[in-house]
Amino acid sequence: MTIFATALERGARRTRRAAARLTRPDGHGGGALVAFGALAAADLLATARRPRGAARAGKPLLMPALAAHALRRRETADVPAPKALLAGLACATAGDTALLADEYEPAFLLGMAAFLGTQVSYTAGYVRQGALKGLRRRPWIAAAGLAGWAAANAAIAPGLEKRLRAPVAGYSLALTAMAVTALGTGARAGTGALAFLGSDLLIGLQAAGHAFPGQEVAIMAGYLFGQYLITTGWPVTPV
């Protein structure tokens, strides 16, 4: 009985330590990240069942959860809030909300405009982090990004309605610039940006009439993974 009680006590202590790691506001676990993980899992499950509808009502809460984590990381570091990141996540929240009704063209365009704000905000943040210096050392990244952008638009544009071609080309150029500057910043930022880019490429293919089973889930999975890496990889230092 004593051995059993001792084991229970040890288990309780470990549970308390784990809970403390999850909830302390220093970026090493964070209740906000736990909330993001739960919301992401619920949204992916809902997407697999029905991409649109009331089951996806939690989608607009995903980016605010990441924003809360980003703010909490700085509480003990005593550094300013990452304005570029928070602005990007705010725009992404607006985009997520609009794209819940993306079967309607005005909502699709509104979502694209909101995510344009995300790309511009992230790009500005990466430039302040020294992305241009990194790109000067590896100019092939920018060249490959521009070539990829041109190839993707050449493949997608014929399937789009003519009035959508210019907005899609403009948005995708901003997205490419974000990915290129992220790659000039570091591996974690670059991986997150590429996941984001891949997700939006799937949206473009879908809009151009190229659909396949599981596409909606792949879109959300890439987007969520990308935003997670971008947020958690943003430096906890003034830039």
Protein backbone atom coordinates (compact mmCIF):
# COMPACT_ATOMS: atom_id res chain seq x y z
CA MET A 1 0.00 0.00 0.00
CA THR A 2 2.88 2.33 0.87
CA ILE A 3 4.58 1.61 -2.46
CA PHE A 4 1.29 2.32 -4.27
CA ALA A 5 0.81 5.60 -2.37
CA THR A 6 4.38 6.66 -3.12
CA ALA A 7 3.88 5.94 -6.81
CA LEU A 8 0.69 8.00 -6.81
CA GLU A 9 2.46 10.88 -5.10
CA ARG A 10 5.29 10.79 -7.64
CA GLY A 11 2.78 10.68 -10.47
CA ALA A 12 0.94 13.66 -9.03
CA ARG A 13 4.17 15.65 -8.75
CA ARG A 14 5.06 14.90 -12.36
CA THR A 15 1.57 15.91 -13.48
CA ARG A 16 1.84 19.21 -11.60
CA ARG A 17 5.25 19.91 -13.16
CA ALA A 18 3.91 19.12 -16.64
CA ALA A 19 0.89 21.36 -16.07
CA ALA A 20 3.18 24.15 -14.92
CA ARG A 21 5.28 23.83 -18.07
CA LEU A 22 2.17 24.01 -20.22
CA THR A 23 0.72 27.08 -18.55
CA ARG A 24 3.70 29.23 -17.64
CA PRO A 25 3.95 32.33 -19.88
CA ASP A 26 7.52 31.82 -21.08
CA GLY A 27 6.95 30.11 -24.42
CA HIS A 28 8.02 26.62 -23.32
CA GLY A 29 4.53 25.14 -23.51
CA GLY A 30 1.85 27.73 -23.09
CA GLY A 31 -1.83 27.17 -22.59
CA ALA A 32 -2.36 29.16 -25.79
CA LEU A 33 -0.45 26.54 -27.80
CA VAL A 34 -2.49 23.78 -26.18
CA ALA A 35 -5.63 25.66 -27.22
CA PHE A 36 -4.27 26.08 -30.74
CA GLY A 37 -3.54 22.36 -30.99
CA ALA A 38 -7.05 21.45 -29.84
CA LEU A 39 -8.68 23.96 -32.19
CA ALA A 40 -6.50 22.79 -35.09
CA ALA A 41 -7.38 19.14 -34.52
CA ALA A 42 -11.09 19.97 -34.31
CA ASP A 43 -10.95 22.07 -37.47
CA LEU A 44 -9.08 19.43 -39.47
CA LEU A 45 -11.62 16.83 -38.40
CA ALA A 46 -14.48 19.13 -39.36
CA THR A 47 -12.80 19.89 -42.69
CA ALA A 48 -12.49 16.19 -43.46
CA ARG A 49 -16.20 15.74 -42.86
CA ARG A 50 -17.57 18.95 -44.39
CA PRO A 51 -15.29 21.82 -45.46
CA ARG A 52 -17.96 24.45 -44.83
CA GLY A 53 -20.68 24.85 -42.25
CA ALA A 54 -21.28 25.33 -38.55
CA ALA A 55 -18.78 22.62 -37.57
CA ARG A 56 -15.97 25.00 -38.54
CA ALA A 57 -17.12 27.82 -36.28
CA GLY A 58 -13.87 27.57 -34.31
CA LYS A 59 -11.68 28.42 -37.33
CA PRO A 60 -11.53 32.18 -36.58
CA LEU A 61 -10.06 31.37 -33.14
CA LEU A 62 -6.96 29.60 -34.49
CA MET A 63 -4.78 32.62 -35.20
CA PRO A 64 -5.79 34.49 -32.01
CA ALA A 65 -4.53 31.45 -30.06
CA LEU A 66 -1.15 31.75 -31.79
CA ALA A 67 -1.14 35.50 -31.16
CA ALA A 68 -1.75 34.87 -27.45
CA HIS A 69 1.21 32.50 -27.41
CA ALA A 70 3.43 35.06 -29.13
CA LEU A 71 2.53 37.67 -26.52
CA ARG A 72 3.09 35.29 -23.61
CA ARG A 73 6.55 34.39 -24.84
CA ARG A 74 7.56 37.98 -24.22
CA GLU A 75 6.16 38.41 -20.73
CA THR A 76 9.30 37.10 -19.05
CA ALA A 77 11.69 38.30 -21.77
CA ASP A 78 10.53 41.92 -21.25
CA VAL A 79 10.70 42.81 -24.95
CA PRO A 80 8.19 44.63 -27.18
CA ALA A 81 5.35 42.71 -28.79
CA PRO A 82 6.23 41.49 -32.31
CA LYS A 83 4.08 43.98 -34.22
CA ALA A 84 4.66 42.48 -37.67
CA LEU A 85 3.73 39.00 -36.48
CA LEU A 86 0.65 40.18 -34.58
CA ALA A 87 -0.53 42.28 -37.53
CA GLY A 88 -0.08 39.29 -39.83
CA LEU A 89 -2.05 37.02 -37.52
CA ALA A 90 -4.82 39.62 -37.20
CA CYS A 91 -5.12 39.81 -40.99
CA ALA A 92 -5.09 36.01 -41.17
CA THR A 93 -7.97 35.90 -38.67
CA ALA A 94 -9.99 38.16 -40.98
CA GLY A 95 -9.03 35.98 -43.94
CA ASP A 96 -9.97 32.76 -42.15
CA THR A 97 -13.37 34.21 -41.32
CA ALA A 98 -14.03 35.42 -44.87
CA LEU A 99 -12.97 32.14 -46.45
CA LEU A 100 -15.57 30.23 -44.46
CA ALA A 101 -17.84 31.39 -47.29
CA ASP A 102 -15.29 31.16 -50.10
CA GLU A 103 -17.80 29.58 -52.46
CA TYR A 104 -19.00 33.17 -52.97
CA GLU A 105 -16.59 35.26 -55.02
CA PRO A 106 -16.79 38.45 -52.86
CA ALA A 107 -15.84 36.43 -49.77
CA PHE A 108 -12.99 34.77 -51.66
CA LEU A 109 -11.62 38.14 -52.77
CA LEU A 110 -12.04 39.60 -49.28
CA GLY A 111 -10.13 36.65 -47.84
CA MET A 112 -7.38 37.13 -50.40
CA ALA A 113 -7.12 40.83 -49.52
CA ALA A 114 -6.88 40.00 -45.81
CA PHE A 115 -4.14 37.45 -46.40
CA LEU A 116 -2.32 39.98 -48.57
CA GLY A 117 -2.03 42.00 -45.36
CA THR A 118 -0.55 38.92 -43.68
CA GLN A 119 2.10 38.49 -46.37
CA VAL A 120 3.07 42.18 -46.33
CA SER A 121 3.31 42.20 -42.51
CA TYR A 122 5.44 39.05 -42.37
CA THR A 123 7.70 40.26 -45.17
CA ALA A 124 8.30 43.56 -43.38
CA GLY A 125 9.12 41.67 -40.20
CA TYR A 126 11.58 39.37 -41.95
CA VAL A 127 13.31 42.33 -43.61
CA ARG A 128 13.79 43.89 -40.16
CA GLN A 129 15.27 40.59 -39.01
CA GLY A 130 17.98 40.79 -41.67
CA ALA A 131 16.43 38.77 -44.49
CA LEU A 132 18.01 40.90 -47.23
CA LYS A 133 21.48 40.24 -45.88
CA GLY A 134 20.78 36.51 -45.97
CA LEU A 135 19.44 36.75 -49.53
CA ARG A 136 22.52 38.62 -50.70
CA ARG A 137 24.56 35.60 -49.61
CA ARG A 138 22.18 33.23 -51.40
CA PRO A 139 20.66 35.11 -54.38
CA TRP A 140 19.49 31.86 -55.95
CA ILE A 141 16.62 31.77 -53.41
CA ALA A 142 15.06 34.91 -54.87
CA ALA A 143 15.63 33.68 -58.43
CA ALA A 144 14.03 30.31 -57.66
CA GLY A 145 11.09 32.03 -55.96
CA LEU A 146 10.42 34.27 -58.95
CA ALA A 147 10.69 31.34 -61.36
CA GLY A 148 8.32 29.28 -59.22
CA TRP A 149 5.83 32.13 -59.07
CA ALA A 150 5.86 32.51 -62.87
CA ALA A 151 5.47 28.76 -63.43
CA ALA A 152 2.62 28.42 -60.94
CA ASN A 153 0.69 31.32 -62.44
CA ALA A 154 1.22 29.99 -65.95
CA ALA A 155 -0.30 26.69 -64.84
CA ILE A 156 -3.19 28.15 -62.85
CA ALA A 157 -4.23 31.22 -64.86
CA PRO A 158 -5.91 29.38 -67.79
CA GLY A 159 -8.37 27.74 -65.39
CA LEU A 160 -9.29 30.97 -63.60
CA GLU A 161 -11.97 33.41 -64.63
CA LYS A 162 -10.31 36.38 -66.34
CA ARG A 163 -11.30 38.85 -63.63
CA LEU A 164 -9.53 36.71 -61.00
CA ARG A 165 -6.21 36.35 -62.81
CA ALA A 166 -4.73 39.72 -61.85
CA PRO A 167 -5.73 39.51 -58.14
CA VAL A 168 -4.37 35.97 -57.88
CA ALA A 169 -1.11 36.93 -59.62
CA GLY A 170 -0.66 39.93 -57.33
CA TYR A 171 -1.42 38.03 -54.17
CA SER A 172 0.80 35.10 -55.13
CA LEU A 173 3.69 37.50 -55.83
CA ALA A 174 3.34 38.93 -52.31
CA LEU A 175 3.18 35.38 -50.93
CA THR A 176 6.34 34.46 -52.83
CA ALA A 177 8.12 37.55 -51.49
CA MET A 178 7.16 36.50 -47.96
CA ALA A 179 8.49 32.98 -48.51
CA VAL A 180 11.74 34.26 -50.04
CA THR A 181 12.43 36.69 -47.19
CA ALA A 182 11.57 33.98 -44.66
CA LEU A 183 14.13 31.68 -46.26
CA GLY A 184 16.63 34.50 -46.01
CA THR A 185 15.94 34.68 -42.28
CA GLY A 186 16.33 31.06 -41.17
CA ALA A 187 15.35 27.43 -41.61
CA ARG A 188 12.36 27.41 -39.25
CA ALA A 189 10.84 30.57 -40.72
CA GLY A 190 11.55 29.30 -44.23
CA THR A 191 9.93 25.93 -43.60
CA GLY A 192 6.83 27.60 -42.18
CA ALA A 193 6.61 30.00 -45.11
CA LEU A 194 6.97 27.17 -47.64
CA ALA A 195 4.18 25.23 -45.93
CA PHE A 196 2.00 28.36 -46.11
CA LEU A 197 2.90 28.81 -49.78
CA GLY A 198 2.10 25.17 -50.56
CA SER A 199 -1.28 25.50 -48.87
CA ASP A 200 -2.16 28.56 -50.95
CA LEU A 201 -0.94 26.87 -54.11
CA LEU A 202 -3.50 24.14 -53.47
CA ILE A 203 -6.18 26.82 -53.08
CA GLY A 204 -5.14 28.28 -56.42
CA LEU A 205 -5.32 24.89 -58.09
CA GLN A 206 -8.75 24.35 -56.56
CA ALA A 207 -9.97 27.74 -57.84
CA ALA A 208 -8.67 26.80 -61.30
CA GLY A 209 -10.72 23.61 -61.28
CA HIS A 210 -7.98 21.16 -60.28
CA ALA A 211 -9.46 19.33 -57.29
CA PHE A 212 -8.58 15.98 -55.71
CA PRO A 213 -9.79 13.99 -52.68
CA GLY A 214 -8.52 15.34 -49.37
CA GLN A 215 -7.49 18.66 -50.88
CA GLU A 216 -9.32 20.76 -48.26
CA VAL A 217 -7.61 18.89 -45.42
CA ALA A 218 -4.21 19.27 -47.09
CA ILE A 219 -4.83 23.00 -47.48
CA MET A 220 -5.64 23.48 -43.80
CA ALA A 221 -2.87 21.18 -42.58
CA GLY A 222 -0.23 23.08 -44.56
CA TYR A 223 -1.59 26.44 -43.46
CA LEU A 224 -1.76 25.50 -39.78
CA PHE A 225 1.71 23.94 -39.79
CA GLY A 226 3.12 26.98 -41.56
CA GLN A 227 1.56 29.48 -39.18
CA TYR A 228 2.69 27.42 -36.19
CA LEU A 229 6.32 27.43 -37.36
CA ILE A 230 6.21 31.11 -38.28
CA THR A 231 4.80 32.09 -34.89
CA THR A 232 6.93 29.86 -32.68
CA GLY A 233 10.04 30.66 -34.70
CA TRP A 234 9.67 34.43 -34.46
CA PRO A 235 12.64 35.65 -32.38
CA VAL A 236 12.03 36.76 -28.79
CA THR A 237 14.25 39.80 -29.25
CA PRO A 238 13.56 43.38 -30.32
CA VAL A 239 13.92 43.68 -34.10
